Amino acid sequence: MDGMISRSVAGQELGRVKRAVVRDLRQAMHRKHVSQALLARRIGTSRSAVTRLLKGGSPSLTLRLLGRLAVALGVRVNMRLAAKSRARRSKH
């Protein structure tokens, strides 16, 4: 049945996506040997702003910023929407 999606459910999904992006950013930084300070210089921001972003405390993660981060790290952004997996319940 279709209905309004609650803000809390949407917020949970947004949090999940941001955590995945931060994980991928950290991995790319590690592979490319890029420090937080160097990444900050490349995208024209402060190291503390990068630190906040990587701690997940920055609400300002936009697609534009994600694109700048990808270029600075020499990586591509791949996004897709996928069907939600559901745990199967056994009938007893």
Foldseek 3Di string as FASTA:
>chain_A
DDDDDDPVVVVVVVLVVLLVLLVVLVVLCVVQVNDLCNLCVQLVHHSVVSVCSSVVNDPPDDPVVSVSSCVSSVHDDDDDDDDDDDDDDDDD
